[in-house]
Amino acid sequence: MDADERSLRILEQYAQAPREVGPAALSQEYLDDIAKVEALPQNQSGADKSWVHRAQANFLRHYQRAQRR
């Protein structure tokens, strides 16, 4: 059996293995932290979020200039 066949057999076994499904369990501390962040003034409807567009443009420019070495 060559390496490709072994790899395919391993992947098939993984695909057939049972998986846990259902909602992720979130701690109360995490939920409290999310509530605090959502309550911040800058996260309210109508708040200036123009910085998001600038940040996204900078992110894209940075990775467009990236070169493989």
C-alpha atoms as a PDB file:
ATOM      1  CA  MET A   1       0.000   0.000   0.000  1.00  0.00           C
ATOM      2  CA  ASP A   2       1.494   3.338  -1.004  1.00  0.00           C
ATOM      3  CA  ALA A   3       1.418   6.570   0.986  1.00  0.00           C
ATOM      4  CA  ASP A   4      -1.595   7.956  -0.892  1.00  0.00           C
ATOM      5  CA  GLU A   5      -3.693   4.876  -0.124  1.00  0.00           C
ATOM      6  CA  ARG A   6      -2.659   4.984   3.540  1.00  0.00           C
ATOM      7  CA  SER A   7      -3.553   8.677   3.709  1.00  0.00           C
ATOM      8  CA  LEU A   8      -6.945   8.066   2.137  1.00  0.00           C
ATOM      9  CA  ARG A   9      -7.663   5.213   4.550  1.00  0.00           C
ATOM     10  CA  ILE A  10      -6.770   7.409   7.538  1.00  0.00           C
ATOM     11  CA  LEU A  11      -8.990  10.206   6.233  1.00  0.00           C
ATOM     12  CA  GLU A  12     -11.866   7.779   5.678  1.00  0.00           C
ATOM     13  CA  GLN A  13     -11.541   6.474   9.229  1.00  0.00           C
ATOM     14  CA  TYR A  14     -11.607  10.044  10.505  1.00  0.00           C
ATOM     15  CA  ALA A  15     -14.653  10.885   8.387  1.00  0.00           C
ATOM     16  CA  GLN A  16     -16.521   7.889   9.830  1.00  0.00           C
ATOM     17  CA  ALA A  17     -15.603   8.630  13.460  1.00  0.00           C
ATOM     18  CA  PRO A  18     -18.413   9.988  15.647  1.00  0.00           C
ATOM     19  CA  ARG A  19     -18.235  13.693  16.392  1.00  0.00           C
ATOM     20  CA  GLU A  20     -19.569  15.743  19.233  1.00  0.00           C
ATOM     21  CA  VAL A  21     -22.318  18.040  18.075  1.00  0.00           C
ATOM     22  CA  GLY A  22     -24.341  20.661  19.804  1.00  0.00           C
ATOM     23  CA  PRO A  23     -23.841  24.122  21.167  1.00  0.00           C
ATOM     24  CA  ALA A  24     -20.539  25.130  22.689  1.00  0.00           C
ATOM     25  CA  ALA A  25     -20.571  25.526  26.466  1.00  0.00           C
ATOM     26  CA  LEU A  26     -19.802  29.129  27.410  1.00  0.00           C
ATOM     27  CA  SER A  27     -18.835  30.040  30.956  1.00  0.00           C
ATOM     28  CA  GLN A  28     -20.754  32.698  32.843  1.00  0.00           C
ATOM     29  CA  GLU A  29     -17.539  34.728  33.108  1.00  0.00           C
ATOM     30  CA  TYR A  30     -17.226  34.726  29.307  1.00  0.00           C
ATOM     31  CA  LEU A  31     -20.878  35.736  28.861  1.00  0.00           C
ATOM     32  CA  ASP A  32     -20.416  38.553  31.402  1.00  0.00           C
ATOM     33  CA  ASP A  33     -17.349  39.803  29.512  1.00  0.00           C
ATOM     34  CA  ILE A  34     -19.290  39.797  26.236  1.00  0.00           C
ATOM     35  CA  ALA A  35     -22.095  41.787  27.860  1.00  0.00           C
ATOM     36  CA  LYS A  36     -19.559  44.382  29.108  1.00  0.00           C
ATOM     37  CA  VAL A  37     -18.023  44.784  25.652  1.00  0.00           C
ATOM     38  CA  GLU A  38     -21.425  45.064  23.979  1.00  0.00           C
ATOM     39  CA  ALA A  39     -22.430  47.767  26.481  1.00  0.00           C
ATOM     40  CA  LEU A  40     -19.477  50.018  25.629  1.00  0.00           C
ATOM     41  CA  PRO A  41     -20.449  53.348  24.027  1.00  0.00           C
ATOM     42  CA  GLN A  42     -18.468  52.626  20.851  1.00  0.00           C
ATOM     43  CA  ASN A  43     -20.511  49.460  20.298  1.00  0.00           C
ATOM     44  CA  GLN A  44     -23.885  51.189  20.322  1.00  0.00           C
ATOM     45  CA  SER A  45     -26.034  51.789  17.293  1.00  0.00           C
ATOM     46  CA  GLY A  46     -25.117  55.086  15.653  1.00  0.00           C
ATOM     47  CA  ALA A  47     -21.578  55.154  17.047  1.00  0.00           C
ATOM     48  CA  ASP A  48     -18.827  56.110  14.598  1.00  0.00           C
ATOM     49  CA  LYS A  49     -17.386  52.897  13.229  1.00  0.00           C
ATOM     50  CA  SER A  50     -15.544  54.395  10.261  1.00  0.00           C
ATOM     51  CA  TRP A  51     -12.277  53.138  11.776  1.00  0.00           C
ATOM     52  CA  VAL A  52     -13.344  49.604  10.832  1.00  0.00           C
ATOM     53  CA  HIS A  53     -13.121  50.431   7.120  1.00  0.00           C
ATOM     54  CA  ARG A  54      -9.662  51.964   7.553  1.00  0.00           C
ATOM     55  CA  ALA A  55      -8.457  48.981   9.574  1.00  0.00           C
ATOM     56  CA  GLN A  56      -9.777  46.548   6.960  1.00  0.00           C
ATOM     57  CA  ALA A  57      -8.118  48.498   4.130  1.00  0.00           C
ATOM     58  CA  ASN A  58      -4.795  48.547   6.021  1.00  0.00           C
ATOM     59  CA  PHE A  59      -5.068  44.814   6.691  1.00  0.00           C
ATOM     60  CA  LEU A  60      -5.670  44.070   3.012  1.00  0.00           C
ATOM     61  CA  ARG A  61      -2.845  46.364   1.870  1.00  0.00           C
ATOM     62  CA  HIS A  62      -0.440  44.712   4.280  1.00  0.00           C
ATOM     63  CA  TYR A  63      -1.150  41.186   3.028  1.00  0.00           C
ATOM     64  CA  GLN A  64      -1.306  42.215  -0.637  1.00  0.00           C
ATOM     65  CA  ARG A  65       2.302  43.398  -0.318  1.00  0.00           C
ATOM     66  CA  ALA A  66       3.444  40.189   1.369  1.00  0.00           C
ATOM     67  CA  GLN A  67       5.929  38.165  -0.639  1.00  0.00           C
ATOM     68  CA  ARG A  68       6.925  34.549  -0.371  1.00  0.00           C
ATOM     69  CA  ARG A  69      10.598  34.095   0.508  1.00  0.00           C
END
